[in-house]
Amino acid sequence: MTITGKIIAGIKIPDSAMASQATELLREHGGELLYNHSLRTFLFASLNGQQNGIRYDAELLYVSALFHDLGLTAHYRSNDKRFEVDGANAARDFLRGHGALPQSLQLVWDAIALHTSPGIAEYKEPEVALLNYGAALDIVGRGYDQLASNDREEIVRQFPRSGLKKNMIATFFDGFKHKPHTTYGSINADICACMIPGYVRPDFCDSILQSPWQE
């Protein structure tokens, strides 16, 4: 089913060749859970931008939303980088292949790399802030009450949640269980603590106190 060009909750899904290709890559590598989550993220982000009169590039926001969790997938994940960075690198390569300008490459890279960084992303460019908002709304319900119920119901009808609350933690963990060290200092460390028996998060205070400096 082609979804590019459709209007859902008053938001048009970008229908450029680049947007269509990004959609197919997500279909191929993301699976149903990430596919639906990523489309909901774009729509929630776009609605927030529309409601608040924020000017943003819909196509770049769309690519950012579709790639933002692809760093969790077998096709895109690395052995040594945060999953957000893997997704950001993949999106940058994808955009470069479509002749995007350097500032667009950096904007999308930042949006994806920072989408799990509350307290930072919301103060960046509109596309960065909106992606963070949309992802957080879908995963933890931040801003849930600010979303009109009819918009919420239409979006979920088009892109079902498919048991996200029950399945998303395991989906995240599957993406970085082979490299838990990359979660240091991020919310993903909570997932390792939840999923790995006896897991102890690295502690920044210990890093300071155990540094090699002689004092």
N, C-alpha and C. Protein backbone atom coordinates (compact mmCIF):
# COMPACT_ATOMS: atom_id res chain seq x y z
N MET A 1 0.84 -1.19 0.00
CA MET A 1 0.00 0.00 0.00
C MET A 1 0.88 1.25 0.00
N THR A 2 0.61 2.17 -0.89
CA THR A 2 1.36 3.41 -0.96
C THR A 2 0.80 4.41 0.03
N ILE A 3 1.66 4.94 0.89
CA ILE A 3 1.16 5.92 1.86
C ILE A 3 1.65 7.33 1.55
N THR A 4 2.70 7.45 0.72
CA THR A 4 3.17 8.79 0.37
C THR A 4 2.08 9.52 -0.40
N GLY A 5 1.90 10.78 -0.04
CA GLY A 5 0.87 11.59 -0.67
C GLY A 5 -0.46 11.58 0.05
N LYS A 6 -0.66 10.62 0.96
CA LYS A 6 -1.92 10.56 1.69
C LYS A 6 -2.00 11.70 2.71
N ILE A 7 -3.20 12.11 3.03
CA ILE A 7 -3.42 13.11 4.07
C ILE A 7 -4.05 12.42 5.26
N ILE A 8 -3.38 12.49 6.39
CA ILE A 8 -3.82 11.82 7.61
C ILE A 8 -3.83 12.85 8.73
N ALA A 9 -4.94 13.01 9.38
CA ALA A 9 -5.10 14.00 10.45
C ALA A 9 -4.69 15.40 9.97
N GLY A 10 -4.97 15.68 8.70
CA GLY A 10 -4.66 16.98 8.13
C GLY A 10 -3.22 17.17 7.72
N ILE A 11 -2.40 16.14 7.86
CA ILE A 11 -0.98 16.21 7.50
C ILE A 11 -0.74 15.38 6.25
N LYS A 12 -0.09 15.97 5.26
CA LYS A 12 0.23 15.23 4.04
C LYS A 12 1.55 14.50 4.19
N ILE A 13 1.54 13.22 3.88
CA ILE A 13 2.78 12.45 3.85
C ILE A 13 3.56 12.87 2.60
N PRO A 14 4.81 13.31 2.75
CA PRO A 14 5.58 13.74 1.57
C PRO A 14 5.60 12.67 0.49
N ASP A 15 5.52 13.11 -0.77
CA ASP A 15 5.41 12.14 -1.86
C ASP A 15 6.50 12.29 -2.91
N SER A 16 7.63 12.87 -2.52
CA SER A 16 8.75 12.97 -3.45
C SER A 16 9.37 11.59 -3.66
N ALA A 17 10.23 11.49 -4.66
CA ALA A 17 10.94 10.23 -4.90
C ALA A 17 11.80 9.86 -3.69
N MET A 18 12.40 10.86 -3.07
CA MET A 18 13.23 10.61 -1.89
C MET A 18 12.38 10.07 -0.73
N ALA A 19 11.23 10.68 -0.53
CA ALA A 19 10.34 10.22 0.55
C ALA A 19 9.86 8.80 0.28
N SER A 20 9.53 8.50 -0.96
CA SER A 20 9.08 7.15 -1.30
C SER A 20 10.17 6.12 -1.07
N GLN A 21 11.39 6.46 -1.42
CA GLN A 21 12.49 5.52 -1.21
C GLN A 21 12.76 5.30 0.27
N ALA A 22 12.70 6.38 1.05
CA ALA A 22 12.88 6.25 2.50
C ALA A 22 11.80 5.34 3.09
N THR A 23 10.58 5.48 2.60
CA THR A 23 9.48 4.63 3.08
C THR A 23 9.75 3.17 2.78
N GLU A 24 10.25 2.89 1.60
CA GLU A 24 10.53 1.50 1.23
C GLU A 24 11.67 0.92 2.05
N LEU A 25 12.68 1.73 2.36
CA LEU A 25 13.78 1.25 3.20
C LEU A 25 13.28 0.90 4.60
N LEU A 26 12.39 1.74 5.12
CA LEU A 26 11.83 1.45 6.44
C LEU A 26 10.98 0.19 6.40
N ARG A 27 10.18 0.02 5.35
CA ARG A 27 9.38 -1.20 5.21
C ARG A 27 10.29 -2.43 5.17
N GLU A 28 11.37 -2.32 4.44
CA GLU A 28 12.26 -3.47 4.24
C GLU A 28 13.00 -3.85 5.51
N HIS A 29 13.47 -2.86 6.25
CA HIS A 29 14.38 -3.16 7.36
C HIS A 29 13.78 -2.95 8.75
N GLY A 30 12.66 -2.22 8.83
CA GLY A 30 12.18 -1.83 10.15
C GLY A 30 11.19 -2.76 10.81
N GLY A 31 10.46 -3.54 10.05
CA GLY A 31 9.42 -4.36 10.65
C GLY A 31 8.19 -3.52 10.99
N GLU A 32 7.09 -4.21 11.32
CA GLU A 32 5.81 -3.52 11.54
C GLU A 32 5.86 -2.54 12.69
N LEU A 33 6.46 -2.93 13.80
CA LEU A 33 6.46 -2.06 14.99
C LEU A 33 7.17 -0.75 14.71
N LEU A 34 8.39 -0.82 14.16
CA LEU A 34 9.15 0.41 13.89
C LEU A 34 8.53 1.19 12.74
N TYR A 35 7.96 0.51 11.77
CA TYR A 35 7.32 1.21 10.66
C TYR A 35 6.18 2.09 11.17
N ASN A 36 5.28 1.49 11.92
CA ASN A 36 4.14 2.25 12.41
C ASN A 36 4.56 3.33 13.40
N HIS A 37 5.50 3.00 14.27
CA HIS A 37 6.01 4.00 15.22
C HIS A 37 6.62 5.19 14.50
N SER A 38 7.40 4.94 13.46
CA SER A 38 8.08 6.02 12.75
C SER A 38 7.08 6.92 12.02
N LEU A 39 6.05 6.33 11.42
CA LEU A 39 5.04 7.15 10.74
C LEU A 39 4.22 7.94 11.75
N ARG A 40 3.88 7.34 12.88
CA ARG A 40 3.17 8.09 13.91
C ARG A 40 4.04 9.24 14.42
N THR A 41 5.32 8.97 14.59
CA THR A 41 6.23 10.01 15.05
C THR A 41 6.22 11.21 14.11
N PHE A 42 6.28 10.95 12.81
CA PHE A 42 6.23 12.05 11.84
C PHE A 42 4.93 12.82 11.96
N LEU A 43 3.82 12.12 12.05
CA LEU A 43 2.53 12.80 12.10
C LEU A 43 2.35 13.59 13.39
N PHE A 44 2.76 13.01 14.52
CA PHE A 44 2.66 13.74 15.78
C PHE A 44 3.56 14.98 15.75
N ALA A 45 4.76 14.83 15.21
CA ALA A 45 5.69 15.96 15.12
C ALA A 45 5.12 17.04 14.22
N SER A 46 4.56 16.64 13.09
CA SER A 46 4.01 17.61 12.14
C SER A 46 2.81 18.34 12.72
N LEU A 47 1.95 17.62 13.41
CA LEU A 47 0.80 18.26 14.04
C LEU A 47 1.24 19.29 15.06
N ASN A 48 2.26 18.96 15.83
CA ASN A 48 2.77 19.91 16.81
C ASN A 48 3.32 21.15 16.13
N GLY A 49 4.04 20.94 15.04
CA GLY A 49 4.55 22.09 14.29
C GLY A 49 3.44 22.94 13.72
N GLN A 50 2.42 22.28 13.18
CA GLN A 50 1.29 22.99 12.60
C GLN A 50 0.52 23.77 13.66
N GLN A 51 0.25 23.14 14.78
CA GLN A 51 -0.53 23.77 15.84
C GLN A 51 0.19 24.96 16.47
N ASN A 52 1.50 24.93 16.44
CA ASN A 52 2.27 25.99 17.07
C ASN A 52 2.87 26.98 16.07
N GLY A 53 2.44 26.87 14.81
CA GLY A 53 2.90 27.81 13.80
C GLY A 53 4.40 27.76 13.55
N ILE A 54 4.96 26.57 13.65
CA ILE A 54 6.41 26.39 13.46
C ILE A 54 6.69 26.08 12.00
N ARG A 55 7.60 26.79 11.40
CA ARG A 55 8.01 26.52 10.02
C ARG A 55 9.07 25.43 10.02
N TYR A 56 8.85 24.41 9.21
CA TYR A 56 9.79 23.30 9.16
C TYR A 56 9.75 22.69 7.77
N ASP A 57 10.80 21.95 7.44
CA ASP A 57 10.88 21.26 6.16
C ASP A 57 10.26 19.88 6.32
N ALA A 58 9.08 19.68 5.74
CA ALA A 58 8.33 18.43 5.94
C ALA A 58 9.11 17.22 5.40
N GLU A 59 9.80 17.39 4.28
CA GLU A 59 10.51 16.26 3.70
C GLU A 59 11.68 15.84 4.58
N LEU A 60 12.42 16.82 5.10
CA LEU A 60 13.54 16.48 5.98
C LEU A 60 13.05 15.90 7.30
N LEU A 61 11.94 16.41 7.82
CA LEU A 61 11.37 15.84 9.03
C LEU A 61 10.92 14.40 8.77
N TYR A 62 10.36 14.16 7.60
CA TYR A 62 9.89 12.81 7.25
C TYR A 62 11.07 11.83 7.19
N VAL A 63 12.13 12.21 6.51
CA VAL A 63 13.31 11.34 6.43
C VAL A 63 13.88 11.10 7.83
N SER A 64 13.92 12.16 8.63
CA SER A 64 14.42 12.01 10.00
C SER A 64 13.58 11.01 10.78
N ALA A 65 12.26 11.13 10.66
CA ALA A 65 11.37 10.23 11.40
C ALA A 65 11.52 8.79 10.94
N LEU A 66 11.66 8.58 9.63
CA LEU A 66 11.74 7.22 9.12
C LEU A 66 13.07 6.55 9.43
N PHE A 67 14.12 7.33 9.58
CA PHE A 67 15.44 6.77 9.89
C PHE A 67 15.76 6.77 11.38
N HIS A 68 14.92 7.40 12.20
CA HIS A 68 15.38 7.68 13.57
C HIS A 68 15.62 6.43 14.40
N ASP A 69 14.96 5.32 14.09
CA ASP A 69 15.20 4.08 14.83
C ASP A 69 15.82 2.99 13.96
N LEU A 70 16.18 3.30 12.74
CA LEU A 70 16.76 2.25 11.87
C LEU A 70 18.13 1.79 12.37
N GLY A 71 18.77 2.58 13.22
CA GLY A 71 20.03 2.15 13.82
C GLY A 71 19.87 0.96 14.75
N LEU A 72 18.64 0.61 15.09
CA LEU A 72 18.37 -0.58 15.90
C LEU A 72 18.36 -1.86 15.06
N THR A 73 18.23 -1.73 13.76
CA THR A 73 17.99 -2.89 12.90
C THR A 73 19.29 -3.56 12.47
N ALA A 74 19.18 -4.83 12.13
CA ALA A 74 20.36 -5.61 11.75
C ALA A 74 21.09 -4.99 10.57
N HIS A 75 20.35 -4.39 9.65
CA HIS A 75 20.97 -3.84 8.45
C HIS A 75 21.83 -2.61 8.74
N TYR A 76 21.46 -1.83 9.72
CA TYR A 76 22.13 -0.55 9.94
C TYR A 76 22.96 -0.47 11.23
N ARG A 77 22.77 -1.38 12.16
CA ARG A 77 23.46 -1.22 13.44
C ARG A 77 24.93 -1.59 13.35
N SER A 78 25.73 -0.88 14.12
CA SER A 78 27.16 -1.12 14.19
C SER A 78 27.48 -1.90 15.47
N ASN A 79 28.76 -2.18 15.67
CA ASN A 79 29.20 -2.85 16.89
C ASN A 79 29.72 -1.89 17.93
N ASP A 80 29.84 -0.61 17.59
CA ASP A 80 30.54 0.28 18.52
C ASP A 80 29.95 1.68 18.67
N LYS A 81 28.82 1.94 18.05
CA LYS A 81 28.24 3.28 18.13
C LYS A 81 26.85 3.22 18.74
N ARG A 82 26.42 4.33 19.35
CA ARG A 82 25.05 4.43 19.82
C ARG A 82 24.10 4.22 18.64
N PHE A 83 22.96 3.60 18.91
CA PHE A 83 22.04 3.31 17.81
C PHE A 83 21.57 4.59 17.14
N GLU A 84 21.46 5.68 17.90
CA GLU A 84 21.05 6.95 17.33
C GLU A 84 22.06 7.43 16.29
N VAL A 85 23.33 7.22 16.56
CA VAL A 85 24.38 7.63 15.63
C VAL A 85 24.35 6.75 14.38
N ASP A 86 24.10 5.46 14.56
CA ASP A 86 23.99 4.58 13.39
C ASP A 86 22.85 5.04 12.48
N GLY A 87 21.72 5.37 13.06
CA GLY A 87 20.59 5.86 12.25
C GLY A 87 20.90 7.19 11.60
N ALA A 88 21.56 8.07 12.34
CA ALA A 88 21.92 9.38 11.79
C ALA A 88 22.90 9.24 10.64
N ASN A 89 23.88 8.35 10.78
CA ASN A 89 24.85 8.13 9.70
C ASN A 89 24.16 7.55 8.46
N ALA A 90 23.22 6.63 8.67
CA ALA A 90 22.51 6.03 7.54
C ALA A 90 21.68 7.07 6.81
N ALA A 91 21.01 7.94 7.57
CA ALA A 91 20.19 8.99 6.95
C ALA A 91 21.06 9.97 6.18
N ARG A 92 22.21 10.30 6.75
CA ARG A 92 23.12 11.23 6.07
C ARG A 92 23.60 10.64 4.74
N ASP A 93 23.97 9.36 4.74
CA ASP A 93 24.39 8.72 3.50
C ASP A 93 23.25 8.69 2.49
N PHE A 94 22.06 8.41 2.97
CA PHE A 94 20.88 8.37 2.10
C PHE A 94 20.64 9.74 1.46
N LEU A 95 20.65 10.78 2.26
CA LEU A 95 20.42 12.13 1.74
C LEU A 95 21.53 12.57 0.80
N ARG A 96 22.75 12.20 1.14
CA ARG A 96 23.87 12.55 0.26
C ARG A 96 23.67 11.92 -1.12
N GLY A 97 23.15 10.71 -1.14
CA GLY A 97 22.88 10.04 -2.40
C GLY A 97 21.79 10.71 -3.22
N HIS A 98 20.98 11.54 -2.56
CA HIS A 98 19.93 12.29 -3.26
C HIS A 98 20.34 13.74 -3.50
N GLY A 99 21.63 14.04 -3.28
CA GLY A 99 22.13 15.37 -3.59
C GLY A 99 21.72 16.45 -2.61
N ALA A 100 21.39 16.08 -1.38
CA ALA A 100 20.98 17.08 -0.39
C ALA A 100 22.14 18.00 -0.04
N LEU A 101 21.81 19.22 0.32
CA LEU A 101 22.81 20.22 0.69
C LEU A 101 23.45 19.86 2.03
N PRO A 102 24.70 20.31 2.24
CA PRO A 102 25.39 19.99 3.50
C PRO A 102 24.60 20.38 4.75
N GLN A 103 23.92 21.53 4.72
CA GLN A 103 23.17 21.94 5.92
C GLN A 103 22.00 21.00 6.18
N SER A 104 21.44 20.43 5.12
CA SER A 104 20.36 19.46 5.30
C SER A 104 20.90 18.14 5.88
N LEU A 105 22.07 17.74 5.42
CA LEU A 105 22.70 16.54 5.97
C LEU A 105 22.92 16.69 7.47
N GLN A 106 23.43 17.85 7.87
CA GLN A 106 23.72 18.07 9.28
C GLN A 106 22.46 18.17 10.10
N LEU A 107 21.44 18.81 9.55
CA LEU A 107 20.18 18.98 10.26
C LEU A 107 19.54 17.63 10.57
N VAL A 108 19.47 16.78 9.57
CA VAL A 108 18.86 15.46 9.77
C VAL A 108 19.73 14.61 10.69
N TRP A 109 21.04 14.71 10.53
CA TRP A 109 21.94 13.96 11.43
C TRP A 109 21.67 14.36 12.87
N ASP A 110 21.61 15.65 13.13
CA ASP A 110 21.36 16.12 14.49
C ASP A 110 20.00 15.68 15.01
N ALA A 111 18.98 15.75 14.16
CA ALA A 111 17.64 15.37 14.59
C ALA A 111 17.61 13.93 15.08
N ILE A 112 18.24 13.04 14.34
CA ILE A 112 18.22 11.62 14.70
C ILE A 112 19.15 11.35 15.88
N ALA A 113 20.35 11.90 15.84
CA ALA A 113 21.31 11.64 16.91
C ALA A 113 20.82 12.15 18.26
N LEU A 114 20.01 13.21 18.25
CA LEU A 114 19.57 13.83 19.50
C LEU A 114 18.13 13.48 19.88
N HIS A 115 17.50 12.57 19.16
CA HIS A 115 16.07 12.37 19.41
C HIS A 115 15.78 11.74 20.76
N THR A 116 16.78 11.13 21.40
CA THR A 116 16.60 10.58 22.75
C THR A 116 17.25 11.46 23.80
N SER A 117 17.47 12.74 23.47
CA SER A 117 18.18 13.65 24.39
C SER A 117 17.26 14.77 24.86
N PRO A 118 16.34 14.48 25.79
CA PRO A 118 15.49 15.54 26.31
C PRO A 118 16.34 16.59 27.03
N GLY A 119 15.90 17.83 26.94
CA GLY A 119 16.66 18.91 27.55
C GLY A 119 17.66 19.53 26.61
N ILE A 120 17.87 18.91 25.44
CA ILE A 120 18.77 19.45 24.42
C ILE A 120 18.02 19.64 23.12
N ALA A 121 17.41 18.55 22.63
CA ALA A 121 16.79 18.57 21.30
C ALA A 121 15.75 19.67 21.15
N GLU A 122 14.98 19.93 22.20
CA GLU A 122 13.90 20.92 22.06
C GLU A 122 14.38 22.34 21.87
N TYR A 123 15.68 22.57 22.08
CA TYR A 123 16.23 23.92 21.90
C TYR A 123 17.00 24.06 20.58
N LYS A 124 16.96 23.01 19.77
CA LYS A 124 17.65 23.04 18.47
C LYS A 124 16.68 23.50 17.38
N GLU A 125 17.07 23.28 16.12
CA GLU A 125 16.25 23.69 14.98
C GLU A 125 14.89 22.99 15.02
N PRO A 126 13.89 23.57 14.33
CA PRO A 126 12.53 23.01 14.40
C PRO A 126 12.45 21.52 14.09
N GLU A 127 13.14 21.05 13.07
CA GLU A 127 13.06 19.63 12.70
C GLU A 127 13.62 18.75 13.82
N VAL A 128 14.67 19.22 14.47
CA VAL A 128 15.27 18.47 15.58
C VAL A 128 14.30 18.41 16.76
N ALA A 129 13.76 19.57 17.12
CA ALA A 129 12.84 19.64 18.25
C ALA A 129 11.56 18.86 17.98
N LEU A 130 11.04 18.96 16.77
CA LEU A 130 9.79 18.28 16.45
C LEU A 130 9.95 16.76 16.44
N LEU A 131 11.07 16.26 15.93
CA LEU A 131 11.29 14.82 15.95
C LEU A 131 11.33 14.31 17.38
N ASN A 132 12.05 15.00 18.23
CA ASN A 132 12.11 14.62 19.64
C ASN A 132 10.72 14.61 20.26
N TYR A 133 9.91 15.62 19.94
CA TYR A 133 8.56 15.70 20.46
C TYR A 133 7.72 14.53 19.98
N GLY A 134 7.74 14.26 18.68
CA GLY A 134 6.91 13.20 18.13
C GLY A 134 7.28 11.83 18.66
N ALA A 135 8.57 11.56 18.77
CA ALA A 135 9.02 10.26 19.28
C ALA A 135 8.63 10.10 20.74
N ALA A 136 8.83 11.15 21.52
CA ALA A 136 8.49 11.08 22.95
C ALA A 136 7.00 10.92 23.17
N LEU A 137 6.19 11.59 22.35
CA LEU A 137 4.74 11.44 22.46
C LEU A 137 4.33 9.99 22.21
N ASP A 138 4.91 9.37 21.19
CA ASP A 138 4.52 8.01 20.85
C ASP A 138 5.03 6.98 21.86
N ILE A 139 6.22 7.19 22.41
CA ILE A 139 6.82 6.19 23.29
C ILE A 139 6.37 6.35 24.73
N VAL A 140 6.43 7.57 25.27
CA VAL A 140 6.12 7.75 26.69
C VAL A 140 4.90 8.64 26.93
N GLY A 141 4.26 9.11 25.85
CA GLY A 141 3.04 9.88 26.00
C GLY A 141 3.25 11.33 26.38
N ARG A 142 4.46 11.85 26.21
CA ARG A 142 4.69 13.26 26.54
C ARG A 142 3.86 14.15 25.60
N GLY A 143 3.02 15.01 26.16
CA GLY A 143 2.15 15.86 25.36
C GLY A 143 0.88 15.18 24.90
N TYR A 144 0.57 14.02 25.45
CA TYR A 144 -0.62 13.24 25.04
C TYR A 144 -1.90 14.07 25.13
N ASP A 145 -2.06 14.81 26.21
CA ASP A 145 -3.29 15.57 26.43
C ASP A 145 -3.41 16.78 25.50
N GLN A 146 -2.31 17.14 24.84
CA GLN A 146 -2.35 18.27 23.92
C GLN A 146 -2.76 17.84 22.50
N LEU A 147 -2.90 16.55 22.31
CA LEU A 147 -3.25 16.02 20.99
C LEU A 147 -4.76 15.77 20.93
N ALA A 148 -5.42 16.34 19.94
CA ALA A 148 -6.86 16.14 19.80
C ALA A 148 -7.18 14.66 19.65
N SER A 149 -8.21 14.19 20.34
CA SER A 149 -8.53 12.77 20.34
C SER A 149 -8.87 12.26 18.94
N ASN A 150 -9.52 13.09 18.12
CA ASN A 150 -9.86 12.64 16.77
C ASN A 150 -8.62 12.46 15.91
N ASP A 151 -7.61 13.34 16.09
CA ASP A 151 -6.34 13.18 15.36
C ASP A 151 -5.62 11.93 15.84
N ARG A 152 -5.59 11.75 17.14
CA ARG A 152 -4.93 10.58 17.71
C ARG A 152 -5.56 9.30 17.19
N GLU A 153 -6.87 9.25 17.19
CA GLU A 153 -7.56 8.03 16.76
C GLU A 153 -7.36 7.76 15.27
N GLU A 154 -7.34 8.82 14.45
CA GLU A 154 -7.12 8.63 13.02
C GLU A 154 -5.71 8.11 12.74
N ILE A 155 -4.73 8.67 13.44
CA ILE A 155 -3.34 8.26 13.23
C ILE A 155 -3.14 6.81 13.67
N VAL A 156 -3.67 6.44 14.81
CA VAL A 156 -3.51 5.07 15.31
C VAL A 156 -4.29 4.08 14.44
N ARG A 157 -5.39 4.52 13.88
CA ARG A 157 -6.15 3.65 12.97
C ARG A 157 -5.32 3.35 11.71
N GLN A 158 -4.64 4.35 11.21
CA GLN A 158 -3.80 4.17 10.01
C GLN A 158 -2.53 3.40 10.34
N PHE A 159 -1.96 3.67 11.51
CA PHE A 159 -0.68 3.05 11.90
C PHE A 159 -0.83 2.51 13.32
N PRO A 160 -1.37 1.29 13.46
CA PRO A 160 -1.68 0.72 14.77
C PRO A 160 -0.46 0.60 15.68
N ARG A 161 -0.72 0.68 16.98
CA ARG A 161 0.38 0.63 17.95
C ARG A 161 0.96 -0.78 18.10
N SER A 162 0.20 -1.80 17.76
CA SER A 162 0.73 -3.18 17.70
C SER A 162 1.42 -3.60 18.99
N GLY A 163 0.81 -3.25 20.14
CA GLY A 163 1.38 -3.65 21.42
C GLY A 163 2.69 -2.97 21.73
N LEU A 164 2.83 -1.71 21.36
CA LEU A 164 4.11 -1.01 21.55
C LEU A 164 4.56 -1.02 23.00
N LYS A 165 3.65 -0.76 23.95
CA LYS A 165 4.07 -0.69 25.35
C LYS A 165 4.67 -2.01 25.80
N LYS A 166 4.17 -3.11 25.27
CA LYS A 166 4.66 -4.43 25.66
C LYS A 166 5.92 -4.82 24.89
N ASN A 167 6.07 -4.33 23.68
CA ASN A 167 7.13 -4.83 22.80
C ASN A 167 8.30 -3.88 22.55
N MET A 168 8.14 -2.59 22.85
CA MET A 168 9.17 -1.65 22.43
C MET A 168 10.46 -1.78 23.22
N ILE A 169 10.36 -2.09 24.51
CA ILE A 169 11.59 -2.24 25.30
C ILE A 169 12.46 -3.35 24.71
N ALA A 170 11.83 -4.48 24.38
CA ALA A 170 12.58 -5.59 23.78
C ALA A 170 13.14 -5.22 22.42
N THR A 171 12.39 -4.41 21.66
CA THR A 171 12.87 -3.97 20.34
C THR A 171 14.09 -3.08 20.48
N PHE A 172 14.03 -2.14 21.42
CA PHE A 172 15.21 -1.31 21.69
C PHE A 172 16.39 -2.19 22.08
N PHE A 173 16.16 -3.07 23.05
CA PHE A 173 17.24 -3.88 23.58
C PHE A 173 17.88 -4.75 22.51
N ASP A 174 17.07 -5.30 21.64
CA ASP A 174 17.60 -6.15 20.57
C ASP A 174 18.58 -5.38 19.69
N GLY A 175 18.37 -4.06 19.61
CA GLY A 175 19.23 -3.25 18.76
C GLY A 175 20.60 -2.95 19.34
N PHE A 176 20.73 -3.04 20.69
CA PHE A 176 22.05 -2.72 21.26
C PHE A 176 22.48 -3.68 22.38
N LYS A 177 21.86 -4.86 22.43
CA LYS A 177 22.25 -5.81 23.47
C LYS A 177 23.69 -6.31 23.28
N HIS A 178 24.19 -6.22 22.05
CA HIS A 178 25.56 -6.65 21.77
C HIS A 178 26.58 -5.55 22.09
N LYS A 179 26.11 -4.37 22.48
CA LYS A 179 27.02 -3.25 22.75
C LYS A 179 26.46 -2.37 23.87
N PRO A 180 26.18 -2.94 25.04
CA PRO A 180 25.58 -2.16 26.12
C PRO A 180 26.43 -0.98 26.55
N HIS A 181 27.74 -1.04 26.28
CA HIS A 181 28.61 0.07 26.67
C HIS A 181 28.23 1.36 25.95
N THR A 182 27.56 1.26 24.80
CA THR A 182 27.21 2.47 24.05
C THR A 182 26.03 3.21 24.68
N THR A 183 25.39 2.62 25.68
CA THR A 183 24.24 3.28 26.31
C THR A 183 24.65 4.17 27.47
N TYR A 184 25.93 4.19 27.80
CA TYR A 184 26.40 4.99 28.93
C TYR A 184 25.97 6.45 28.78
N GLY A 185 25.38 6.99 29.83
CA GLY A 185 24.99 8.39 29.83
C GLY A 185 23.70 8.69 29.10
N SER A 186 22.96 7.66 28.69
CA SER A 186 21.72 7.88 27.94
C SER A 186 20.57 7.12 28.59
N ILE A 187 19.35 7.43 28.15
CA ILE A 187 18.17 6.73 28.67
C ILE A 187 18.20 5.25 28.31
N ASN A 188 19.00 4.88 27.33
CA ASN A 188 19.06 3.48 26.93
C ASN A 188 19.72 2.59 27.98
N ALA A 189 20.48 3.20 28.88
CA ALA A 189 21.06 2.43 29.98
C ALA A 189 19.95 1.85 30.86
N ASP A 190 18.82 2.55 30.95
CA ASP A 190 17.68 2.02 31.72
C ASP A 190 17.18 0.73 31.11
N ILE A 191 17.22 0.63 29.78
CA ILE A 191 16.75 -0.58 29.11
C ILE A 191 17.70 -1.74 29.40
N CYS A 192 18.99 -1.47 29.40
CA CYS A 192 19.95 -2.53 29.75
C CYS A 192 19.71 -3.00 31.18
N ALA A 193 19.46 -2.07 32.10
CA ALA A 193 19.21 -2.44 33.49
C ALA A 193 17.93 -3.26 33.62
N CYS A 194 16.95 -2.98 32.77
CA CYS A 194 15.68 -3.71 32.78
C CYS A 194 15.84 -5.11 32.20
N MET A 195 16.68 -5.26 31.18
CA MET A 195 16.72 -6.50 30.41
C MET A 195 17.89 -7.43 30.73
N ILE A 196 18.95 -6.91 31.36
CA ILE A 196 20.12 -7.75 31.64
C ILE A 196 20.18 -8.01 33.14
N PRO A 197 19.99 -9.25 33.57
CA PRO A 197 20.04 -9.55 35.01
C PRO A 197 21.37 -9.13 35.63
N GLY A 198 21.30 -8.36 36.70
CA GLY A 198 22.51 -7.95 37.41
C GLY A 198 23.28 -6.83 36.75
N TYR A 199 22.73 -6.26 35.68
CA TYR A 199 23.46 -5.19 34.98
C TYR A 199 23.62 -3.98 35.89
N VAL A 200 24.82 -3.45 35.92
CA VAL A 200 25.09 -2.24 36.70
C VAL A 200 25.54 -1.15 35.72
N ARG A 201 24.82 -0.04 35.71
CA ARG A 201 25.19 1.05 34.83
C ARG A 201 26.54 1.63 35.24
N PRO A 202 27.40 1.96 34.27
CA PRO A 202 28.61 2.71 34.62
C PRO A 202 28.22 4.01 35.33
N ASP A 203 28.97 4.37 36.34
CA ASP A 203 28.64 5.53 37.17
C ASP A 203 29.64 6.65 36.92
N PHE A 204 29.15 7.83 36.57
CA PHE A 204 30.04 8.95 36.24
C PHE A 204 30.85 9.39 37.45
N CYS A 205 30.25 9.30 38.64
CA CYS A 205 31.00 9.67 39.85
C CYS A 205 32.19 8.73 40.04
N ASP A 206 31.97 7.43 39.79
CA ASP A 206 33.09 6.48 39.86
C ASP A 206 34.16 6.83 38.84
N SER A 207 33.74 7.24 37.65
CA SER A 207 34.71 7.60 36.61
C SER A 207 35.58 8.77 37.05
N ILE A 208 34.97 9.73 37.72
CA ILE A 208 35.74 10.88 38.23
C ILE A 208 36.71 10.42 39.31
N LEU A 209 36.20 9.67 40.29
CA LEU A 209 37.01 9.28 41.45
C LEU A 209 38.11 8.29 41.09
N GLN A 210 37.88 7.50 40.02
CA GLN A 210 38.85 6.49 39.63
C GLN A 210 39.71 6.91 38.43
N SER A 211 39.68 8.18 38.08
CA SER A 211 40.50 8.66 36.98
C SER A 211 41.98 8.53 37.34
N PRO A 212 42.88 8.50 36.36
CA PRO A 212 44.30 8.29 36.65
C PRO A 212 45.02 9.49 37.25
N TRP A 213 44.33 10.61 37.40
CA TRP A 213 44.98 11.77 37.96
C TRP A 213 45.38 11.55 39.43
N GLN A 214 46.62 11.92 39.75
CA GLN A 214 47.13 11.78 41.12
C GLN A 214 46.88 13.07 41.88
N GLU A 215 46.05 12.97 42.92
CA GLU A 215 45.75 14.16 43.73
C GLU A 215 45.75 13.78 45.20
